[in-house]
Amino acid sequence: MPLFVVTAETTPLDENRKAQINAAIRAQVSARFIPNEIVQIADVPRTLSGKKLEVPVKKLLLGGDPAKVVNRDSMANPDSFDFFIAYAQARASA
């Protein structure tokens, strides 16, 4: 299970920051929610009304067709979905 994070431009996502995120999850939630991987993204895909597109990203990562899992016309930032398409393709070919 990956965890996608958006960081400030002045805050790099290095191994130290990943360890801090994992420690916070372990302390405040549970160790069972520690992600397998923490991935930095530029922007969270959102609808025109500002809601996060969690379900389309999940469907894409589970092998869904990018053209069918999301309607780019309903997105406030359609270019943000391109990262997830490339990420899903890289995971599928690995």
PDB file of N, CA and C in Angstrom:
ATOM      1  N   MET A   1       0.842  -1.168   0.000  1.00  0.00           N
ATOM      2  CA  MET A   1       0.000   0.000   0.000  1.00  0.00           C
ATOM      3  C   MET A   1       0.891   1.236   0.000  1.00  0.00           C
ATOM      4  N   PRO A   2       0.822   2.025  -1.051  1.00  0.00           N
ATOM      5  CA  PRO A   2       1.609   3.265  -1.085  1.00  0.00           C
ATOM      6  C   PRO A   2       0.883   4.394  -0.358  1.00  0.00           C
ATOM      7  N   LEU A   3       1.662   5.333   0.116  1.00  0.00           N
ATOM      8  CA  LEU A   3       1.147   6.570   0.696  1.00  0.00           C
ATOM      9  C   LEU A   3       1.679   7.694  -0.171  1.00  0.00           C
ATOM     10  N   PHE A   4       0.788   8.475  -0.743  1.00  0.00           N
ATOM     11  CA  PHE A   4       1.179   9.597  -1.592  1.00  0.00           C
ATOM     12  C   PHE A   4       1.129  10.868  -0.763  1.00  0.00           C
ATOM     13  N   VAL A   5       2.209  11.640  -0.808  1.00  0.00           N
ATOM     14  CA  VAL A   5       2.281  12.870  -0.023  1.00  0.00           C
ATOM     15  C   VAL A   5       2.693  14.044  -0.898  1.00  0.00           C
ATOM     16  N   VAL A   6       2.155  15.196  -0.562  1.00  0.00           N
ATOM     17  CA  VAL A   6       2.556  16.456  -1.186  1.00  0.00           C
ATOM     18  C   VAL A   6       3.326  17.209  -0.114  1.00  0.00           C
ATOM     19  N   THR A   7       4.546  17.590  -0.435  1.00  0.00           N
ATOM     20  CA  THR A   7       5.357  18.325   0.534  1.00  0.00           C
ATOM     21  C   THR A   7       5.549  19.764   0.058  1.00  0.00           C
ATOM     22  N   ALA A   8       5.925  20.614   0.998  1.00  0.00           N
ATOM     23  CA  ALA A   8       6.274  21.982   0.638  1.00  0.00           C
ATOM     24  C   ALA A   8       7.550  21.943  -0.197  1.00  0.00           C
ATOM     25  N   GLU A   9       7.726  22.936  -1.033  1.00  0.00           N
ATOM     26  CA  GLU A   9       8.913  22.972  -1.891  1.00  0.00           C
ATOM     27  C   GLU A   9      10.205  22.975  -1.094  1.00  0.00           C
ATOM     28  N   THR A  10      10.164  23.513   0.108  1.00  0.00           N
ATOM     29  CA  THR A  10      11.367  23.580   0.937  1.00  0.00           C
ATOM     30  C   THR A  10      11.570  22.320   1.782  1.00  0.00           C
ATOM     31  N   THR A  11      10.629  21.374   1.705  1.00  0.00           N
ATOM     32  CA  THR A  11      10.707  20.153   2.504  1.00  0.00           C
ATOM     33  C   THR A  11      10.859  18.951   1.589  1.00  0.00           C
ATOM     34  N   PRO A  12      12.076  18.455   1.426  1.00  0.00           N
ATOM     35  CA  PRO A  12      12.260  17.286   0.564  1.00  0.00           C
ATOM     36  C   PRO A  12      11.750  16.018   1.246  1.00  0.00           C
ATOM     37  N   LEU A  13      11.351  15.057   0.452  1.00  0.00           N
ATOM     38  CA  LEU A  13      10.909  13.771   0.983  1.00  0.00           C
ATOM     39  C   LEU A  13      12.106  12.822   0.972  1.00  0.00           C
ATOM     40  N   ASP A  14      12.937  12.944   1.992  1.00  0.00           N
ATOM     41  CA  ASP A  14      14.110  12.082   2.103  1.00  0.00           C
ATOM     42  C   ASP A  14      13.806  10.940   3.075  1.00  0.00           C
ATOM     43  N   GLU A  15      14.786  10.094   3.319  1.00  0.00           N
ATOM     44  CA  GLU A  15      14.585   8.942   4.199  1.00  0.00           C
ATOM     45  C   GLU A  15      14.248   9.367   5.624  1.00  0.00           C
ATOM     46  N   ASN A  16      14.815  10.473   6.077  1.00  0.00           N
ATOM     47  CA  ASN A  16      14.513  10.978   7.409  1.00  0.00           C
ATOM     48  C   ASN A  16      13.045  11.382   7.516  1.00  0.00           C
ATOM     49  N   ARG A  17      12.545  12.091   6.518  1.00  0.00           N
ATOM     50  CA  ARG A  17      11.141  12.522   6.521  1.00  0.00           C
ATOM     51  C   ARG A  17      10.213  11.305   6.454  1.00  0.00           C
ATOM     52  N   LYS A  18      10.579  10.297   5.654  1.00  0.00           N
ATOM     53  CA  LYS A  18       9.768   9.076   5.572  1.00  0.00           C
ATOM     54  C   LYS A  18       9.716   8.371   6.926  1.00  0.00           C
ATOM     55  N   ALA A  19      10.845   8.335   7.618  1.00  0.00           N
ATOM     56  CA  ALA A  19      10.886   7.718   8.947  1.00  0.00           C
ATOM     57  C   ALA A  19      10.000   8.488   9.927  1.00  0.00           C
ATOM     58  N   GLN A  20       9.987   9.810   9.815  1.00  0.00           N
ATOM     59  CA  GLN A  20       9.135  10.632  10.677  1.00  0.00           C
ATOM     60  C   GLN A  20       7.660  10.352  10.404  1.00  0.00           C
ATOM     61  N   ILE A  21       7.307  10.217   9.144  1.00  0.00           N
ATOM     62  CA  ILE A  21       5.915   9.913   8.778  1.00  0.00           C
ATOM     63  C   ILE A  21       5.519   8.550   9.339  1.00  0.00           C
ATOM     64  N   ASN A  22       6.373   7.552   9.144  1.00  0.00           N
ATOM     65  CA  ASN A  22       6.074   6.212   9.655  1.00  0.00           C
ATOM     66  C   ASN A  22       5.962   6.207  11.179  1.00  0.00           C
ATOM     67  N   ALA A  23       6.833   6.944  11.860  1.00  0.00           N
ATOM     68  CA  ALA A  23       6.779   7.008  13.316  1.00  0.00           C
ATOM     69  C   ALA A  23       5.482   7.665  13.787  1.00  0.00           C
ATOM     70  N   ALA A  24       5.053   8.709  13.096  1.00  0.00           N
ATOM     71  CA  ALA A  24       3.810   9.387  13.461  1.00  0.00           C
ATOM     72  C   ALA A  24       2.610   8.458  13.258  1.00  0.00           C
ATOM     73  N   ILE A  25       2.600   7.716  12.167  1.00  0.00           N
ATOM     74  CA  ILE A  25       1.501   6.771  11.918  1.00  0.00           C
ATOM     75  C   ILE A  25       1.491   5.694  12.997  1.00  0.00           C
ATOM     76  N   ARG A  26       2.669   5.159  13.306  1.00  0.00           N
ATOM     77  CA  ARG A  26       2.774   4.112  14.328  1.00  0.00           C
ATOM     78  C   ARG A  26       2.288   4.631  15.692  1.00  0.00           C
ATOM     79  N   ALA A  27       2.667   5.849  16.058  1.00  0.00           N
ATOM     80  CA  ALA A  27       2.327   6.398  17.373  1.00  0.00           C
ATOM     81  C   ALA A  27       0.876   6.860  17.471  1.00  0.00           C
ATOM     82  N   GLN A  28       0.350   7.447  16.402  1.00  0.00           N
ATOM     83  CA  GLN A  28      -0.971   8.069  16.483  1.00  0.00           C
ATOM     84  C   GLN A  28      -2.102   7.192  15.961  1.00  0.00           C
ATOM     85  N   VAL A  29      -1.762   6.180  15.158  1.00  0.00           N
ATOM     86  CA  VAL A  29      -2.808   5.322  14.605  1.00  0.00           C
ATOM     87  C   VAL A  29      -2.519   3.875  15.009  1.00  0.00           C
ATOM     88  N   SER A  30      -1.686   3.203  14.208  1.00  0.00           N
ATOM     89  CA  SER A  30      -1.320   1.817  14.498  1.00  0.00           C
ATOM     90  C   SER A  30      -0.232   1.397  13.526  1.00  0.00           C
ATOM     91  N   ALA A  31       0.611   0.480  13.969  1.00  0.00           N
ATOM     92  CA  ALA A  31       1.683  -0.027  13.111  1.00  0.00           C
ATOM     93  C   ALA A  31       1.124  -0.763  11.899  1.00  0.00           C
ATOM     94  N   ARG A  32      -0.086  -1.243  11.985  1.00  0.00           N
ATOM     95  CA  ARG A  32      -0.675  -1.964  10.847  1.00  0.00           C
ATOM     96  C   ARG A  32      -0.950  -1.038   9.655  1.00  0.00           C
ATOM     97  N   PHE A  33      -0.928   0.273   9.879  1.00  0.00           N
ATOM     98  CA  PHE A  33      -1.182   1.230   8.801  1.00  0.00           C
ATOM     99  C   PHE A  33       0.096   1.822   8.205  1.00  0.00           C
ATOM    100  N   ILE A  34       1.258   1.299   8.587  1.00  0.00           N
ATOM    101  CA  ILE A  34       2.522   1.762   8.008  1.00  0.00           C
ATOM    102  C   ILE A  34       2.515   1.418   6.518  1.00  0.00           C
ATOM    103  N   PRO A  35       2.723   2.399   5.641  1.00  0.00           N
ATOM    104  CA  PRO A  35       2.693   2.114   4.198  1.00  0.00           C
ATOM    105  C   PRO A  35       3.937   1.338   3.758  1.00  0.00           C
ATOM    106  N   ASN A  36       3.775   0.579   2.686  1.00  0.00           N
ATOM    107  CA  ASN A  36       4.908  -0.149   2.093  1.00  0.00           C
ATOM    108  C   ASN A  36       5.874   0.819   1.438  1.00  0.00           C
ATOM    109  N   GLU A  37       5.328   1.926   0.984  1.00  0.00           N
ATOM    110  CA  GLU A  37       6.111   2.886   0.214  1.00  0.00           C
ATOM    111  C   GLU A  37       5.504   4.270   0.409  1.00  0.00           C
ATOM    112  N   ILE A  38       6.347   5.285   0.489  1.00  0.00           N
ATOM    113  CA  ILE A  38       5.889   6.675   0.565  1.00  0.00           C
ATOM    114  C   ILE A  38       6.390   7.373  -0.682  1.00  0.00           C
ATOM    115  N   VAL A  39       5.467   7.931  -1.453  1.00  0.00           N
ATOM    116  CA  VAL A  39       5.775   8.520  -2.748  1.00  0.00           C
ATOM    117  C   VAL A  39       5.380   9.989  -2.748  1.00  0.00           C
ATOM    118  N   GLN A  40       6.305  10.836  -3.163  1.00  0.00           N
ATOM    119  CA  GLN A  40       6.025  12.269  -3.254  1.00  0.00           C
ATOM    120  C   GLN A  40       5.320  12.564  -4.571  1.00  0.00           C
ATOM    121  N   ILE A  41       4.250  13.361  -4.478  1.00  0.00           N
ATOM    122  CA  ILE A  41       3.519  13.790  -5.667  1.00  0.00           C
ATOM    123  C   ILE A  41       3.449  15.311  -5.677  1.00  0.00           C
ATOM    124  N   ALA A  42       3.226  15.866  -6.853  1.00  0.00           N
ATOM    125  CA  ALA A  42       3.159  17.315  -6.985  1.00  0.00           C
ATOM    126  C   ALA A  42       1.794  17.866  -6.574  1.00  0.00           C
ATOM    127  N   ASP A  43       0.737  17.093  -6.854  1.00  0.00           N
ATOM    128  CA  ASP A  43      -0.611  17.589  -6.623  1.00  0.00           C
ATOM    129  C   ASP A  43      -1.562  16.414  -6.461  1.00  0.00           C
ATOM    130  N   VAL A  44      -2.563  16.566  -5.615  1.00  0.00           N
ATOM    131  CA  VAL A  44      -3.588  15.550  -5.415  1.00  0.00           C
ATOM    132  C   VAL A  44      -4.683  15.774  -6.452  1.00  0.00           C
ATOM    133  N   PRO A  45      -5.065  14.739  -7.199  1.00  0.00           N
ATOM    134  CA  PRO A  45      -6.155  14.908  -8.167  1.00  0.00           C
ATOM    135  C   PRO A  45      -7.457  15.267  -7.443  1.00  0.00           C
ATOM    136  N   ARG A  46      -8.138  16.277  -7.955  1.00  0.00           N
ATOM    137  CA  ARG A  46      -9.374  16.754  -7.320  1.00  0.00           C
ATOM    138  C   ARG A  46     -10.454  17.019  -8.357  1.00  0.00           C
ATOM    139  N   THR A  47     -11.698  16.947  -7.883  1.00  0.00           N
ATOM    140  CA  THR A  47     -12.836  17.285  -8.725  1.00  0.00           C
ATOM    141  C   THR A  47     -12.951  18.805  -8.815  1.00  0.00           C
ATOM    142  N   LEU A  48     -13.838  19.272  -9.641  1.00  0.00           N
ATOM    143  CA  LEU A  48     -14.061  20.712  -9.768  1.00  0.00           C
ATOM    144  C   LEU A  48     -14.545  21.322  -8.456  1.00  0.00           C
ATOM    145  N   SER A  49     -15.212  20.510  -7.620  1.00  0.00           N
ATOM    146  CA  SER A  49     -15.679  21.018  -6.331  1.00  0.00           C
ATOM    147  C   SER A  49     -14.643  20.845  -5.218  1.00  0.00           C
ATOM    148  N   GLY A  50     -13.463  20.293  -5.553  1.00  0.00           N
ATOM    149  CA  GLY A  50     -12.375  20.206  -4.599  1.00  0.00           C
ATOM    150  C   GLY A  50     -12.231  18.884  -3.870  1.00  0.00           C
ATOM    151  N   LYS A  51     -13.069  17.892  -4.190  1.00  0.00           N
ATOM    152  CA  LYS A  51     -12.969  16.596  -3.512  1.00  0.00           C
ATOM    153  C   LYS A  51     -11.809  15.783  -4.097  1.00  0.00           C
ATOM    154  N   LYS A  52     -11.135  15.029  -3.229  1.00  0.00           N
ATOM    155  CA  LYS A  52     -10.030  14.178  -3.672  1.00  0.00           C
ATOM    156  C   LYS A  52     -10.568  13.006  -4.482  1.00  0.00           C
ATOM    157  N   LEU A  53      -9.849  12.628  -5.525  1.00  0.00           N
ATOM    158  CA  LEU A  53     -10.250  11.513  -6.379  1.00  0.00           C
ATOM    159  C   LEU A  53      -9.582  10.220  -5.901  1.00  0.00           C
ATOM    160  N   GLU A  54      -9.954   9.771  -4.711  1.00  0.00           N
ATOM    161  CA  GLU A  54      -9.355   8.575  -4.138  1.00  0.00           C
ATOM    162  C   GLU A  54      -9.791   7.302  -4.854  1.00  0.00           C
ATOM    163  N   VAL A  55     -11.075   7.175  -5.144  1.00  0.00           N
ATOM    164  CA  VAL A  55     -11.587   5.942  -5.771  1.00  0.00           C
ATOM    165  C   VAL A  55     -11.019   5.758  -7.179  1.00  0.00           C
ATOM    166  N   PRO A  56     -10.996   6.780  -8.036  1.00  0.00           N
ATOM    167  CA  PRO A  56     -10.388   6.575  -9.353  1.00  0.00           C
ATOM    168  C   PRO A  56      -8.906   6.196  -9.277  1.00  0.00           C
ATOM    169  N   VAL A  57      -8.167   6.776  -8.330  1.00  0.00           N
ATOM    170  CA  VAL A  57      -6.756   6.408  -8.177  1.00  0.00           C
ATOM    171  C   VAL A  57      -6.653   4.949  -7.754  1.00  0.00           C
ATOM    172  N   LYS A  58      -7.486   4.525  -6.828  1.00  0.00           N
ATOM    173  CA  LYS A  58      -7.486   3.131  -6.374  1.00  0.00           C
ATOM    174  C   LYS A  58      -7.812   2.193  -7.542  1.00  0.00           C
ATOM    175  N   LYS A  59      -8.839   2.520  -8.307  1.00  0.00           N
ATOM    176  CA  LYS A  59      -9.204   1.680  -9.449  1.00  0.00           C
ATOM    177  C   LYS A  59      -8.067   1.602 -10.457  1.00  0.00           C
ATOM    178  N   LEU A  60      -7.402   2.701 -10.687  1.00  0.00           N
ATOM    179  CA  LEU A  60      -6.269   2.730 -11.612  1.00  0.00           C
ATOM    180  C   LEU A  60      -5.138   1.834 -11.101  1.00  0.00           C
ATOM    181  N   LEU A  61      -4.825   1.926  -9.823  1.00  0.00           N
ATOM    182  CA  LEU A  61      -3.749   1.111  -9.245  1.00  0.00           C
ATOM    183  C   LEU A  61      -4.101  -0.369  -9.212  1.00  0.00           C
ATOM    184  N   LEU A  62      -5.397  -0.671  -9.243  1.00  0.00           N
ATOM    185  CA  LEU A  62      -5.828  -2.065  -9.290  1.00  0.00           C
ATOM    186  C   LEU A  62      -5.937  -2.598 -10.717  1.00  0.00           C
ATOM    187  N   GLY A  63      -5.505  -1.789 -11.690  1.00  0.00           N
ATOM    188  CA  GLY A  63      -5.461  -2.253 -13.074  1.00  0.00           C
ATOM    189  C   GLY A  63      -6.527  -1.698 -13.983  1.00  0.00           C
ATOM    190  N   GLY A  64      -7.278  -0.740 -13.531  1.00  0.00           N
ATOM    191  CA  GLY A  64      -8.327  -0.159 -14.356  1.00  0.00           C
ATOM    192  C   GLY A  64      -7.782   0.657 -15.515  1.00  0.00           C
ATOM    193  N   ASP A  65      -8.598   0.775 -16.535  1.00  0.00           N
ATOM    194  CA  ASP A  65      -8.249   1.561 -17.728  1.00  0.00           C
ATOM    195  C   ASP A  65      -8.343   3.049 -17.382  1.00  0.00           C
ATOM    196  N   PRO A  66      -7.247   3.805 -17.578  1.00  0.00           N
ATOM    197  CA  PRO A  66      -7.262   5.229 -17.221  1.00  0.00           C
ATOM    198  C   PRO A  66      -8.403   6.010 -17.861  1.00  0.00           C
ATOM    199  N   ALA A  67      -8.779   5.658 -19.067  1.00  0.00           N
ATOM    200  CA  ALA A  67      -9.846   6.385 -19.751  1.00  0.00           C
ATOM    201  C   ALA A  67     -11.214   6.101 -19.138  1.00  0.00           C
ATOM    202  N   LYS A  68     -11.342   4.975 -18.420  1.00  0.00           N
ATOM    203  CA  LYS A  68     -12.632   4.595 -17.852  1.00  0.00           C
ATOM    204  C   LYS A  68     -12.763   4.907 -16.373  1.00  0.00           C
ATOM    205  N   VAL A  69     -11.651   5.039 -15.658  1.00  0.00           N
ATOM    206  CA  VAL A  69     -11.758   5.238 -14.211  1.00  0.00           C
ATOM    207  C   VAL A  69     -11.994   6.687 -13.815  1.00  0.00           C
ATOM    208  N   VAL A  70     -11.684   7.631 -14.710  1.00  0.00           N
ATOM    209  CA  VAL A  70     -11.869   9.037 -14.358  1.00  0.00           C
ATOM    210  C   VAL A  70     -12.295   9.838 -15.590  1.00  0.00           C
ATOM    211  N   ASN A  71     -13.156  10.812 -15.340  1.00  0.00           N
ATOM    212  CA  ASN A  71     -13.560  11.748 -16.378  1.00  0.00           C
ATOM    213  C   ASN A  71     -12.734  13.013 -16.188  1.00  0.00           C
ATOM    214  N   ARG A  72     -11.773  13.226 -17.044  1.00  0.00           N
ATOM    215  CA  ARG A  72     -10.875  14.377 -16.888  1.00  0.00           C
ATOM    216  C   ARG A  72     -11.608  15.713 -16.982  1.00  0.00           C
ATOM    217  N   ASP A  73     -12.754  15.740 -17.638  1.00  0.00           N
ATOM    218  CA  ASP A  73     -13.522  16.988 -17.732  1.00  0.00           C
ATOM    219  C   ASP A  73     -14.093  17.399 -16.375  1.00  0.00           C
ATOM    220  N   SER A  74     -14.205  16.449 -15.460  1.00  0.00           N
ATOM    221  CA  SER A  74     -14.747  16.761 -14.132  1.00  0.00           C
ATOM    222  C   SER A  74     -13.646  17.063 -13.121  1.00  0.00           C
ATOM    223  N   MET A  75     -12.403  17.161 -13.591  1.00  0.00           N
ATOM    224  CA  MET A  75     -11.271  17.388 -12.696  1.00  0.00           C
ATOM    225  C   MET A  75     -10.837  18.856 -12.711  1.00  0.00           C
ATOM    226  N   ALA A  76     -10.452  19.344 -11.542  1.00  0.00           N
ATOM    227  CA  ALA A  76      -9.915  20.700 -11.434  1.00  0.00           C
ATOM    228  C   ALA A  76      -8.479  20.745 -11.942  1.00  0.00           C
ATOM    229  N   ASN A  77      -7.760  19.623 -11.807  1.00  0.00           N
ATOM    230  CA  ASN A  77      -6.352  19.553 -12.198  1.00  0.00           C
ATOM    231  C   ASN A  77      -6.081  18.230 -12.943  1.00  0.00           C
ATOM    232  N   PRO A  78      -6.558  18.089 -14.161  1.00  0.00           N
ATOM    233  CA  PRO A  78      -6.444  16.818 -14.876  1.00  0.00           C
ATOM    234  C   PRO A  78      -5.005  16.346 -15.097  1.00  0.00           C
ATOM    235  N   ASP A  79      -4.049  17.259 -15.165  1.00  0.00           N
ATOM    236  CA  ASP A  79      -2.657  16.848 -15.376  1.00  0.00           C
ATOM    237  C   ASP A  79      -2.104  16.078 -14.175  1.00  0.00           C
ATOM    238  N   SER A  80      -2.677  16.267 -12.993  1.00  0.00           N
ATOM    239  CA  SER A  80      -2.195  15.571 -11.806  1.00  0.00           C
ATOM    240  C   SER A  80      -2.410  14.066 -11.903  1.00  0.00           C
ATOM    241  N   PHE A  81      -3.352  13.636 -12.712  1.00  0.00           N
ATOM    242  CA  PHE A  81      -3.647  12.204 -12.853  1.00  0.00           C
ATOM    243  C   PHE A  81      -2.592  11.489 -13.692  1.00  0.00           C
ATOM    244  N   ASP A  82      -1.851  12.240 -14.511  1.00  0.00           N
ATOM    245  CA  ASP A  82      -0.820  11.631 -15.357  1.00  0.00           C
ATOM    246  C   ASP A  82       0.247  10.915 -14.535  1.00  0.00           C
ATOM    247  N   PHE A  83       0.613  11.466 -13.387  1.00  0.00           N
ATOM    248  CA  PHE A  83       1.596  10.801 -12.527  1.00  0.00           C
ATOM    249  C   PHE A  83       1.101   9.419 -12.125  1.00  0.00           C
ATOM    250  N   PHE A  84      -0.165   9.313 -11.748  1.00  0.00           N
ATOM    251  CA  PHE A  84      -0.715   8.043 -11.278  1.00  0.00           C
ATOM    252  C   PHE A  84      -0.814   7.025 -12.411  1.00  0.00           C
ATOM    253  N   ILE A  85      -1.077   7.492 -13.619  1.00  0.00           N
ATOM    254  CA  ILE A  85      -1.094   6.591 -14.778  1.00  0.00           C
ATOM    255  C   ILE A  85       0.297   6.004 -14.978  1.00  0.00           C
ATOM    256  N   ALA A  86       1.318   6.859 -14.964  1.00  0.00           N
ATOM    257  CA  ALA A  86       2.701   6.384 -15.132  1.00  0.00           C
ATOM    258  C   ALA A  86       3.109   5.472 -13.979  1.00  0.00           C
ATOM    259  N   TYR A  87       2.712   5.808 -12.771  1.00  0.00           N
ATOM    260  CA  TYR A  87       3.029   4.998 -11.595  1.00  0.00           C
ATOM    261  C   TYR A  87       2.392   3.609 -11.709  1.00  0.00           C
ATOM    262  N   ALA A  88       1.124   3.575 -12.102  1.00  0.00           N
ATOM    263  CA  ALA A  88       0.424   2.290 -12.250  1.00  0.00           C
ATOM    264  C   ALA A  88       1.072   1.443 -13.349  1.00  0.00           C
ATOM    265  N   GLN A  89       1.445   2.061 -14.448  1.00  0.00           N
ATOM    266  CA  GLN A  89       2.090   1.329 -15.536  1.00  0.00           C
ATOM    267  C   GLN A  89       3.441   0.773 -15.097  1.00  0.00           C
ATOM    268  N   ALA A  90       4.200   1.558 -14.337  1.00  0.00           N
ATOM    269  CA  ALA A  90       5.500   1.100 -13.847  1.00  0.00           C
ATOM    270  C   ALA A  90       5.333  -0.071 -12.878  1.00  0.00           C
ATOM    271  N   ARG A  91       4.328  -0.013 -12.032  1.00  0.00           N
ATOM    272  CA  ARG A  91       4.077  -1.110 -11.086  1.00  0.00           C
ATOM    273  C   ARG A  91       3.633  -2.361 -11.816  1.00  0.00           C
ATOM    274  N   ALA A  92       2.832  -2.195 -12.864  1.00  0.00           N
ATOM    275  CA  ALA A  92       2.334  -3.348 -13.609  1.00  0.00           C
ATOM    276  C   ALA A  92       3.455  -4.045 -14.374  1.00  0.00           C
ATOM    277  N   SER A  93       4.427  -3.276 -14.852  1.00  0.00           N
ATOM    278  CA  SER A  93       5.503  -3.872 -15.628  1.00  0.00           C
ATOM    279  C   SER A  93       6.629  -4.411 -14.745  1.00  0.00           C
ATOM    280  N   ALA A  94       6.601  -4.088 -13.450  1.00  0.00           N
ATOM    281  CA  ALA A  94       7.652  -4.559 -12.535  1.00  0.00           C
ATOM    282  C   ALA A  94       7.382  -5.945 -12.008  1.00  0.00           C
TER     283      ALA A  94
END
